[in-house]
C-alpha atoms as a PDB file:
ATOM      1  CA  MET A   1     125.754  57.918 -33.246  1.00  0.00           C
ATOM      2  CA  LYS A   2     126.933  55.333 -30.803  1.00  0.00           C
ATOM      3  CA  LEU A   3     128.615  52.577 -32.800  1.00  0.00           C
ATOM      4  CA  LEU A   4     129.666  49.285 -31.241  1.00  0.00           C
ATOM      5  CA  ARG A   5     130.735  45.709 -31.875  1.00  0.00           C
ATOM      6  CA  TYR A   6     129.107  42.772 -30.131  1.00  0.00           C
ATOM      7  CA  GLY A   7     129.501  39.005 -29.948  1.00  0.00           C
ATOM      8  CA  GLU A   8     132.156  36.490 -29.048  1.00  0.00           C
ATOM      9  CA  SER A   9     135.795  37.562 -29.197  1.00  0.00           C
ATOM     10  CA  GLY A  10     137.052  37.340 -32.767  1.00  0.00           C
ATOM     11  CA  SER A  11     133.524  37.084 -34.205  1.00  0.00           C
ATOM     12  CA  GLU A  12     132.087  40.486 -33.335  1.00  0.00           C
ATOM     13  CA  ARG A  13     129.289  41.982 -35.416  1.00  0.00           C
ATOM     14  CA  PRO A  14     128.731  45.703 -36.086  1.00  0.00           C
ATOM     15  CA  GLY A  15     125.925  47.494 -34.337  1.00  0.00           C
ATOM     16  CA  LEU A  16     124.653  50.762 -32.978  1.00  0.00           C
ATOM     17  CA  LEU A  17     122.813  51.914 -29.904  1.00  0.00           C
ATOM     18  CA  ASP A  18     119.593  53.708 -30.803  1.00  0.00           C
ATOM     19  CA  GLY A  19     118.071  56.654 -28.968  1.00  0.00           C
ATOM     20  CA  GLN A  20     116.133  54.347 -26.643  1.00  0.00           C
ATOM     21  CA  GLY A  21     119.209  52.345 -25.677  1.00  0.00           C
ATOM     22  CA  VAL A  22     118.332  49.361 -27.888  1.00  0.00           C
ATOM     23  CA  LEU A  23     121.249  47.560 -29.531  1.00  0.00           C
ATOM     24  CA  ARG A  24     120.649  47.313 -33.297  1.00  0.00           C
ATOM     25  CA  ASP A  25     122.510  45.097 -35.758  1.00  0.00           C
ATOM     26  CA  LEU A  26     124.271  46.724 -38.749  1.00  0.00           C
ATOM     27  CA  SER A  27     125.464  43.525 -40.438  1.00  0.00           C
ATOM     28  CA  ASP A  28     123.224  44.005 -43.477  1.00  0.00           C
ATOM     29  CA  HIS A  29     124.946  47.322 -44.203  1.00  0.00           C
ATOM     30  CA  ILE A  30     128.601  46.942 -43.197  1.00  0.00           C
ATOM     31  CA  ASP A  31     131.004  44.155 -42.275  1.00  0.00           C
ATOM     32  CA  ASP A  32     132.586  45.840 -39.262  1.00  0.00           C
ATOM     33  CA  ILE A  33     133.152  49.106 -37.426  1.00  0.00           C
ATOM     34  CA  ASN A  34     136.623  49.803 -38.803  1.00  0.00           C
ATOM     35  CA  GLY A  35     138.630  52.279 -40.819  1.00  0.00           C
ATOM     36  CA  SER A  36     136.697  51.554 -44.015  1.00  0.00           C
ATOM     37  CA  VAL A  37     133.503  53.116 -42.626  1.00  0.00           C
ATOM     38  CA  LEU A  38     134.880  55.799 -40.302  1.00  0.00           C
ATOM     39  CA  GLY A  39     135.350  58.593 -42.839  1.00  0.00           C
ATOM     40  CA  ASP A  40     132.796  61.358 -43.176  1.00  0.00           C
ATOM     41  CA  ALA A  41     131.045  59.671 -46.125  1.00  0.00           C
ATOM     42  CA  GLY A  42     130.852  56.313 -44.396  1.00  0.00           C
ATOM     43  CA  LEU A  43     129.489  57.801 -41.190  1.00  0.00           C
ATOM     44  CA  ALA A  44     126.979  59.897 -43.146  1.00  0.00           C
ATOM     45  CA  ALA A  45     125.690  56.732 -44.829  1.00  0.00           C
ATOM     46  CA  LEU A  46     125.213  55.056 -41.459  1.00  0.00           C
ATOM     47  CA  ARG A  47     123.564  58.163 -40.047  1.00  0.00           C
ATOM     48  CA  ALA A  48     121.042  58.067 -42.897  1.00  0.00           C
ATOM     49  CA  ILE A  49     119.774  54.635 -41.821  1.00  0.00           C
ATOM     50  CA  ASP A  50     116.623  54.695 -39.727  1.00  0.00           C
ATOM     51  CA  PRO A  51     117.595  52.701 -36.607  1.00  0.00           C
ATOM     52  CA  ALA A  52     114.038  51.379 -36.352  1.00  0.00           C
ATOM     53  CA  THR A  53     114.632  49.429 -39.580  1.00  0.00           C
ATOM     54  CA  LEU A  54     117.595  47.563 -38.071  1.00  0.00           C
ATOM     55  CA  PRO A  55     117.110  44.247 -36.243  1.00  0.00           C
ATOM     56  CA  ALA A  56     117.109  44.565 -32.474  1.00  0.00           C
ATOM     57  CA  VAL A  57     119.624  42.320 -30.718  1.00  0.00           C
ATOM     58  CA  ASP A  58     118.140  40.135 -28.009  1.00  0.00           C
ATOM     59  CA  GLY A  59     119.675  39.547 -24.611  1.00  0.00           C
ATOM     60  CA  ASP A  60     122.812  41.105 -23.205  1.00  0.00           C
ATOM     61  CA  PRO A  61     125.645  40.110 -25.551  1.00  0.00           C
ATOM     62  CA  ARG A  62     129.320  40.648 -24.867  1.00  0.00           C
ATOM     63  CA  LEU A  63     130.662  43.915 -26.266  1.00  0.00           C
ATOM     64  CA  GLY A  64     133.964  43.894 -28.093  1.00  0.00           C
ATOM     65  CA  SER A  65     136.287  46.798 -28.665  1.00  0.00           C
ATOM     66  CA  CYS A  66     134.189  49.497 -30.340  1.00  0.00           C
ATOM     67  CA  VAL A  67     136.673  49.638 -33.244  1.00  0.00           C
ATOM     68  CA  GLY A  68     137.868  46.603 -35.175  1.00  0.00           C
ATOM     69  CA  GLY A  69     141.076  46.205 -37.141  1.00  0.00           C
ATOM     70  CA  ILE A  70     142.840  48.979 -35.230  1.00  0.00           C
ATOM     71  CA  GLY A  71     145.987  49.968 -37.092  1.00  0.00           C
ATOM     72  CA  LYS A  72     148.026  51.883 -34.524  1.00  0.00           C
ATOM     73  CA  PHE A  73     147.347  52.171 -30.796  1.00  0.00           C
ATOM     74  CA  LEU A  74     149.122  55.413 -29.875  1.00  0.00           C
ATOM     75  CA  CYS A  75     149.307  56.578 -26.268  1.00  0.00           C
ATOM     76  CA  ILE A  76     150.124  59.921 -24.686  1.00  0.00           C
ATOM     77  CA  GLY A  77     151.717  59.906 -21.237  1.00  0.00           C
ATOM     78  CA  LEU A  78     151.718  62.504 -18.468  1.00  0.00           C
ATOM     79  CA  ASN A  79     149.137  64.646 -20.214  1.00  0.00           C
ATOM     80  CA  TYR A  80     147.452  65.986 -17.058  1.00  0.00           C
ATOM     81  CA  SER A  81     149.464  68.393 -14.937  1.00  0.00           C
ATOM     82  CA  ASP A  82     148.116  67.007 -11.653  1.00  0.00           C
ATOM     83  CA  HIS A  83     148.903  63.430 -12.725  1.00  0.00           C
ATOM     84  CA  ALA A  84     152.480  64.471 -13.580  1.00  0.00           C
ATOM     85  CA  ALA A  85     152.719  65.997 -10.110  1.00  0.00           C
ATOM     86  CA  GLU A  86     151.509  62.840  -8.357  1.00  0.00           C
ATOM     87  CA  SER A  87     154.040  60.858 -10.416  1.00  0.00           C
ATOM     88  CA  GLY A  88     156.837  63.219  -9.350  1.00  0.00           C
ATOM     89  CA  LEU A  89     157.666  64.076 -12.951  1.00  0.00           C
ATOM     90  CA  PRO A  90     158.039  67.446 -14.728  1.00  0.00           C
ATOM     91  CA  ILE A  91     155.476  68.831 -17.170  1.00  0.00           C
ATOM     92  CA  PRO A  92     156.545  67.601 -20.618  1.00  0.00           C
ATOM     93  CA  GLU A  93     157.538  70.111 -23.275  1.00  0.00           C
ATOM     94  CA  HIS A  94     156.033  67.950 -26.028  1.00  0.00           C
ATOM     95  CA  PRO A  95     153.499  65.107 -25.916  1.00  0.00           C
ATOM     96  CA  ILE A  96     155.100  61.927 -24.563  1.00  0.00           C
ATOM     97  CA  LEU A  97     154.366  59.073 -26.962  1.00  0.00           C
ATOM     98  CA  PHE A  98     154.444  55.339 -26.372  1.00  0.00           C
ATOM     99  CA  LEU A  99     152.719  52.408 -28.049  1.00  0.00           C
ATOM    100  CA  LYS A 100     150.367  49.800 -26.704  1.00  0.00           C
ATOM    101  CA  ALA A 101     150.400  46.471 -28.552  1.00  0.00           C
ATOM    102  CA  ASN A 102     147.169  45.737 -30.421  1.00  0.00           C
ATOM    103  CA  SER A 103     147.093  42.321 -28.738  1.00  0.00           C
ATOM    104  CA  ALA A 104     146.232  44.171 -25.508  1.00  0.00           C
ATOM    105  CA  ILE A 105     142.884  45.309 -26.907  1.00  0.00           C
ATOM    106  CA  VAL A 106     139.774  43.745 -25.364  1.00  0.00           C
ATOM    107  CA  GLY A 107     136.151  44.635 -24.876  1.00  0.00           C
ATOM    108  CA  PRO A 108     135.037  47.184 -22.289  1.00  0.00           C
ATOM    109  CA  ASN A 109     133.710  44.589 -19.842  1.00  0.00           C
ATOM    110  CA  ASP A 110     136.180  41.762 -20.420  1.00  0.00           C
ATOM    111  CA  ASP A 111     138.344  40.652 -17.530  1.00  0.00           C
ATOM    112  CA  VAL A 112     141.700  42.345 -17.026  1.00  0.00           C
ATOM    113  CA  VAL A 113     144.229  39.574 -16.422  1.00  0.00           C
ATOM    114  CA  MET A 114     147.423  40.378 -14.523  1.00  0.00           C
ATOM    115  CA  PRO A 115     150.438  38.690 -16.145  1.00  0.00           C
ATOM    116  CA  ARG A 116     152.786  36.320 -14.401  1.00  0.00           C
ATOM    117  CA  GLY A 117     155.117  38.172 -12.056  1.00  0.00           C
ATOM    118  CA  SER A 118     152.903  41.237 -11.826  1.00  0.00           C
ATOM    119  CA  THR A 119     153.073  43.078  -8.517  1.00  0.00           C
ATOM    120  CA  LYS A 120     152.102  46.610  -9.576  1.00  0.00           C
ATOM    121  CA  THR A 121     149.201  46.529 -12.036  1.00  0.00           C
ATOM    122  CA  ASP A 122     147.502  49.932 -12.110  1.00  0.00           C
ATOM    123  CA  TRP A 123     144.435  51.637 -13.601  1.00  0.00           C
ATOM    124  CA  GLU A 124     144.100  54.703 -15.871  1.00  0.00           C
ATOM    125  CA  VAL A 125     140.821  56.074 -17.238  1.00  0.00           C
ATOM    126  CA  GLU A 126     141.501  57.866 -20.532  1.00  0.00           C
ATOM    127  CA  LEU A 127     139.747  59.548 -23.435  1.00  0.00           C
ATOM    128  CA  GLY A 128     140.250  57.589 -26.638  1.00  0.00           C
ATOM    129  CA  VAL A 129     140.281  59.323 -30.019  1.00  0.00           C
ATOM    130  CA  VAL A 130     139.517  57.346 -33.178  1.00  0.00           C
ATOM    131  CA  ILE A 131     140.854  58.663 -36.477  1.00  0.00           C
ATOM    132  CA  GLY A 132     138.338  58.773 -39.328  1.00  0.00           C
ATOM    133  CA  THR A 133     140.265  60.307 -42.244  1.00  0.00           C
ATOM    134  CA  THR A 134     143.956  60.231 -43.107  1.00  0.00           C
ATOM    135  CA  ALA A 135     145.927  62.911 -41.278  1.00  0.00           C
ATOM    136  CA  LYS A 136     149.408  64.049 -42.335  1.00  0.00           C
ATOM    137  CA  TYR A 137     150.917  67.399 -41.298  1.00  0.00           C
ATOM    138  CA  VAL A 138     147.524  68.708 -40.184  1.00  0.00           C
ATOM    139  CA  SER A 139     147.183  71.964 -38.253  1.00  0.00           C
ATOM    140  CA  GLU A 140     145.666  72.236 -34.806  1.00  0.00           C
ATOM    141  CA  ALA A 141     142.808  74.221 -36.361  1.00  0.00           C
ATOM    142  CA  LYS A 142     141.930  71.356 -38.757  1.00  0.00           C
ATOM    143  CA  ALA A 143     142.874  68.410 -36.548  1.00  0.00           C
ATOM    144  CA  LEU A 144     139.428  67.537 -35.199  1.00  0.00           C
ATOM    145  CA  ASP A 145     138.082  67.286 -38.765  1.00  0.00           C
ATOM    146  CA  HIS A 146     140.042  64.026 -38.978  1.00  0.00           C
ATOM    147  CA  VAL A 147     138.368  62.466 -35.926  1.00  0.00           C
ATOM    148  CA  ALA A 148     135.632  59.851 -36.367  1.00  0.00           C
ATOM    149  CA  GLY A 149     134.703  59.844 -32.699  1.00  0.00           C
ATOM    150  CA  TYR A 150     135.634  59.204 -29.105  1.00  0.00           C
ATOM    151  CA  CYS A 151     135.525  56.353 -26.598  1.00  0.00           C
ATOM    152  CA  VAL A 152     136.570  55.254 -23.114  1.00  0.00           C
ATOM    153  CA  ILE A 153     139.900  53.447 -22.672  1.00  0.00           C
ATOM    154  CA  ASN A 154     141.454  51.890 -19.592  1.00  0.00           C
ATOM    155  CA  ASP A 155     145.211  52.204 -20.101  1.00  0.00           C
ATOM    156  CA  VAL A 156     146.027  49.378 -17.686  1.00  0.00           C
ATOM    157  CA  SER A 157     149.698  49.544 -16.706  1.00  0.00           C
ATOM    158  CA  GLU A 158     152.091  47.199 -14.903  1.00  0.00           C
ATOM    159  CA  ARG A 159     154.353  49.739 -13.193  1.00  0.00           C
ATOM    160  CA  HIS A 160     157.289  47.418 -12.502  1.00  0.00           C
ATOM    161  CA  PHE A 161     157.314  46.284 -16.126  1.00  0.00           C
ATOM    162  CA  GLN A 162     156.924  49.934 -17.206  1.00  0.00           C
ATOM    163  CA  ASN A 163     159.578  51.531 -15.005  1.00  0.00           C
ATOM    164  CA  GLY A 164     161.658  48.748 -13.486  1.00  0.00           C
ATOM    165  CA  LEU A 165     162.600  46.767 -16.582  1.00  0.00           C
ATOM    166  CA  THR A 166     165.190  48.164 -18.983  1.00  0.00           C
ATOM    167  CA  GLY A 167     163.527  49.716 -22.015  1.00  0.00           C
ATOM    168  CA  GLN A 168     160.393  51.619 -22.953  1.00  0.00           C
ATOM    169  CA  TRP A 169     157.038  52.108 -21.200  1.00  0.00           C
ATOM    170  CA  THR A 170     155.510  49.821 -23.827  1.00  0.00           C
ATOM    171  CA  LYS A 171     156.595  46.790 -21.769  1.00  0.00           C
ATOM    172  CA  GLY A 172     154.248  47.711 -18.941  1.00  0.00           C
ATOM    173  CA  LYS A 173     151.409  48.831 -21.182  1.00  0.00           C
ATOM    174  CA  SER A 174     151.073  45.965 -23.655  1.00  0.00           C
ATOM    175  CA  CYS A 175     150.240  42.894 -21.583  1.00  0.00           C
ATOM    176  CA  ASP A 176     147.249  40.907 -22.807  1.00  0.00           C
ATOM    177  CA  THR A 177     143.900  42.516 -21.793  1.00  0.00           C
ATOM    178  CA  PHE A 178     145.576  45.847 -20.891  1.00  0.00           C
ATOM    179  CA  GLY A 179     143.533  47.845 -23.423  1.00  0.00           C
ATOM    180  CA  PRO A 180     139.777  47.722 -22.706  1.00  0.00           C
ATOM    181  CA  THR A 181     138.157  49.950 -25.354  1.00  0.00           C
ATOM    182  CA  GLY A 182     134.525  51.052 -25.582  1.00  0.00           C
ATOM    183  CA  PRO A 183     131.664  50.425 -24.945  1.00  0.00           C
ATOM    184  CA  TRP A 184     130.798  52.671 -27.870  1.00  0.00           C
ATOM    185  CA  LEU A 185     132.444  54.841 -30.459  1.00  0.00           C
ATOM    186  CA  VAL A 186     130.541  58.112 -30.097  1.00  0.00           C
ATOM    187  CA  THR A 187     130.818  60.092 -33.327  1.00  0.00           C
ATOM    188  CA  ARG A 188     132.336  63.554 -33.116  1.00  0.00           C
ATOM    189  CA  ASP A 189     129.077  65.348 -33.945  1.00  0.00           C
ATOM    190  CA  GLU A 190     127.822  64.216 -30.521  1.00  0.00           C
ATOM    191  CA  VAL A 191     130.945  65.470 -28.722  1.00  0.00           C
ATOM    192  CA  PRO A 192     131.062  69.197 -29.491  1.00  0.00           C
ATOM    193  CA  ASP A 193     134.025  69.825 -27.161  1.00  0.00           C
ATOM    194  CA  PRO A 194     136.350  66.933 -26.287  1.00  0.00           C
ATOM    195  CA  GLN A 195     138.067  69.246 -23.777  1.00  0.00           C
ATOM    196  CA  ALA A 196     134.978  69.499 -21.573  1.00  0.00           C
ATOM    197  CA  LEU A 197     134.298  65.898 -20.507  1.00  0.00           C
ATOM    198  CA  THR A 198     134.194  64.697 -16.906  1.00  0.00           C
ATOM    199  CA  MET A 199     135.755  61.319 -16.165  1.00  0.00           C
ATOM    200  CA  ARG A 200     135.961  58.946 -13.229  1.00  0.00           C
ATOM    201  CA  LEU A 201     137.224  55.517 -12.172  1.00  0.00           C
ATOM    202  CA  ASP A 202     135.949  53.521  -9.192  1.00  0.00           C
ATOM    203  CA  LEU A 203     137.722  50.520  -7.664  1.00  0.00           C
ATOM    204  CA  ASN A 204     135.441  48.161  -5.753  1.00  0.00           C
ATOM    205  CA  GLY A 205     132.950  51.026  -5.477  1.00  0.00           C
ATOM    206  CA  GLU A 206     135.499  53.498  -4.104  1.00  0.00           C
ATOM    207  CA  ARG A 207     136.297  56.583  -6.160  1.00  0.00           C
ATOM    208  CA  MET A 208     139.937  56.594  -7.274  1.00  0.00           C
ATOM    209  CA  GLN A 209     139.996  59.047 -10.176  1.00  0.00           C
ATOM    210  CA  THR A 210     137.918  62.146 -10.779  1.00  0.00           C
ATOM    211  CA  GLY A 211     138.972  64.473 -13.549  1.00  0.00           C
ATOM    212  CA  SER A 212     138.129  66.434 -16.642  1.00  0.00           C
ATOM    213  CA  THR A 213     139.634  66.602 -20.094  1.00  0.00           C
ATOM    214  CA  ALA A 214     139.711  70.369 -19.547  1.00  0.00           C
ATOM    215  CA  THR A 215     142.935  69.899 -17.559  1.00  0.00           C
ATOM    216  CA  MET A 216     144.879  68.192 -20.340  1.00  0.00           C
ATOM    217  CA  ILE A 217     148.306  69.708 -20.970  1.00  0.00           C
ATOM    218  CA  PHE A 218     148.006  69.017 -24.711  1.00  0.00           C
ATOM    219  CA  SER A 219     144.511  69.098 -26.224  1.00  0.00           C
ATOM    220  CA  VAL A 220     143.196  66.461 -28.604  1.00  0.00           C
ATOM    221  CA  ALA A 221     143.782  68.846 -31.514  1.00  0.00           C
ATOM    222  CA  GLN A 222     147.351  69.583 -30.410  1.00  0.00           C
ATOM    223  CA  ILE A 223     148.074  65.865 -30.036  1.00  0.00           C
ATOM    224  CA  ILE A 224     146.822  65.125 -33.546  1.00  0.00           C
ATOM    225  CA  GLU A 225     148.844  68.013 -34.978  1.00  0.00           C
ATOM    226  CA  HIS A 226     151.969  66.716 -33.230  1.00  0.00           C
ATOM    227  CA  LEU A 227     151.540  63.056 -34.142  1.00  0.00           C
ATOM    228  CA  SER A 228     150.575  63.751 -37.750  1.00  0.00           C
ATOM    229  CA  GLY A 229     153.845  65.618 -38.126  1.00  0.00           C
ATOM    230  CA  LEU A 230     155.697  62.447 -37.114  1.00  0.00           C
ATOM    231  CA  MET A 231     153.679  59.804 -38.958  1.00  0.00           C
ATOM    232  CA  THR A 232     150.569  59.431 -41.072  1.00  0.00           C
ATOM    233  CA  LEU A 233     147.466  58.749 -39.022  1.00  0.00           C
ATOM    234  CA  HIS A 234     145.115  56.352 -40.791  1.00  0.00           C
ATOM    235  CA  PRO A 235     141.392  55.670 -40.423  1.00  0.00           C
ATOM    236  CA  GLY A 236     140.912  53.292 -37.517  1.00  0.00           C
ATOM    237  CA  ASP A 237     144.028  54.371 -35.637  1.00  0.00           C
ATOM    238  CA  VAL A 238     143.354  54.989 -31.942  1.00  0.00           C
ATOM    239  CA  ILE A 239     144.995  57.585 -29.702  1.00  0.00           C
ATOM    240  CA  THR A 240     144.577  57.417 -25.942  1.00  0.00           C
ATOM    241  CA  THR A 241     145.248  60.803 -24.422  1.00  0.00           C
ATOM    242  CA  GLY A 242     146.448  60.448 -20.834  1.00  0.00           C
ATOM    243  CA  THR A 243     144.905  60.076 -17.403  1.00  0.00           C
ATOM    244  CA  PRO A 244     143.935  62.410 -14.559  1.00  0.00           C
ATOM    245  CA  PRO A 245     145.293  61.931 -11.021  1.00  0.00           C
ATOM    246  CA  GLY A 246     144.283  59.096  -8.729  1.00  0.00           C
ATOM    247  CA  VAL A 247     146.285  56.168 -10.081  1.00  0.00           C
ATOM    248  CA  GLY A 248     147.606  53.604  -7.625  1.00  0.00           C
ATOM    249  CA  MET A 249     151.239  54.475  -8.304  1.00  0.00           C
ATOM    250  CA  GLY A 250     150.653  58.023  -7.033  1.00  0.00           C
ATOM    251  CA  MET A 251     149.066  57.045  -3.724  1.00  0.00           C
ATOM    252  CA  LYS A 252     150.858  57.089  -0.395  1.00  0.00           C
ATOM    253  CA  PRO A 253     151.174  54.225   0.280  1.00  0.00           C
ATOM    254  CA  GLN A 254     150.911  52.950  -3.258  1.00  0.00           C
ATOM    255  CA  ARG A 255     147.955  50.714  -4.095  1.00  0.00           C
ATOM    256  CA  PHE A 256     147.724  48.233  -6.955  1.00  0.00           C
ATOM    257  CA  LEU A 257     145.164  45.826  -8.342  1.00  0.00           C
ATOM    258  CA  GLU A 258     144.461  42.476  -6.729  1.00  0.00           C
ATOM    259  CA  VAL A 259     142.645  39.398  -8.030  1.00  0.00           C
ATOM    260  CA  GLY A 260     138.899  39.897  -7.687  1.00  0.00           C
ATOM    261  CA  ASP A 261     139.001  43.690  -7.802  1.00  0.00           C
ATOM    262  CA  VAL A 262     136.402  45.412  -9.987  1.00  0.00           C
ATOM    263  CA  MET A 263     137.100  48.613 -11.915  1.00  0.00           C
ATOM    264  CA  GLU A 264     134.313  50.823 -13.260  1.00  0.00           C
ATOM    265  CA  LEU A 265     135.193  53.681 -15.620  1.00  0.00           C
ATOM    266  CA  GLU A 266     133.052  56.404 -17.151  1.00  0.00           C
ATOM    267  CA  ILE A 267     133.565  59.447 -19.356  1.00  0.00           C
ATOM    268  CA  GLU A 268     130.704  61.892 -19.794  1.00  0.00           C
ATOM    269  CA  GLY A 269     128.552  60.860 -22.749  1.00  0.00           C
ATOM    270  CA  LEU A 270     130.828  57.994 -23.769  1.00  0.00           C
ATOM    271  CA  GLY A 271     129.508  55.191 -21.601  1.00  0.00           C
ATOM    272  CA  VAL A 272     130.725  52.947 -18.795  1.00  0.00           C
ATOM    273  CA  GLN A 273     133.268  50.132 -18.656  1.00  0.00           C
ATOM    274  CA  ARG A 274     133.455  47.446 -15.963  1.00  0.00           C
ATOM    275  CA  GLN A 275     136.287  44.938 -15.586  1.00  0.00           C
ATOM    276  CA  LYS A 276     137.016  42.230 -13.037  1.00  0.00           C
ATOM    277  CA  VAL A 277     140.687  41.497 -12.324  1.00  0.00           C
ATOM    278  CA  GLY A 278     142.060  38.004 -12.761  1.00  0.00           C
ATOM    279  CA  GLN A 279     145.510  36.401 -12.719  1.00  0.00           C
ATOM    280  CA  ASP A 280     147.250  34.647 -15.614  1.00  0.00           C
ATOM    281  CA  ALA A 281     147.960  30.992 -14.903  1.00  0.00           C
END
């Protein structure tokens, strides 16, 4: 299934995309696409609904983040060996973890707004993993059983805030609008191997990033095993798993976003995002 949320920001309704690409409303069955429906039983109940019986949504409504009420937004850094190389940093021994504030989360096609003082806002196409059932001390072999599904995330990053201000990476990752998520949550039964997905990001029509989840240093299962040994992962938590090479920080000379730029991101089978870049007043 391809689950989504549509409507004005803060008033999104649950929906799904049927096999013909028609957006269908799920409001008569559930209140939202969130942790309460992302377990195996909840997804099975949604899967049992004939999409043809659901109201079709007219027009081209705004899409919100494909998951509502996200609990934790956990991020893995330097998880592609070629991205670590372009950043001039060693391969990590363990997954590098930082947090992105939930207030950064926006819809997949909402504007990305550079904050005041930004000079180095950068792009990062990433595979997002949405937890469906509680995970605590899970093994790598069982880790994917706890996944509800996958989505596209743009881990937008202000590099001066991230690396030039005293403190953690979170400063450069958590600005408002720096977490476009969606367009859809694609359930795990439709993604048989999360380590075999192509991914790309274009800036103003020019290819910046081309990669594959096959080149991750730590697989999705290994990440879940590691994180669940540190903290309980709850339904509706989101993990974004790192980016392939081609970010602006790694270019020579470096290149960063400017007002009016347009980013387009895609991961195989998970849909396309498109964001225009603005500037905070």
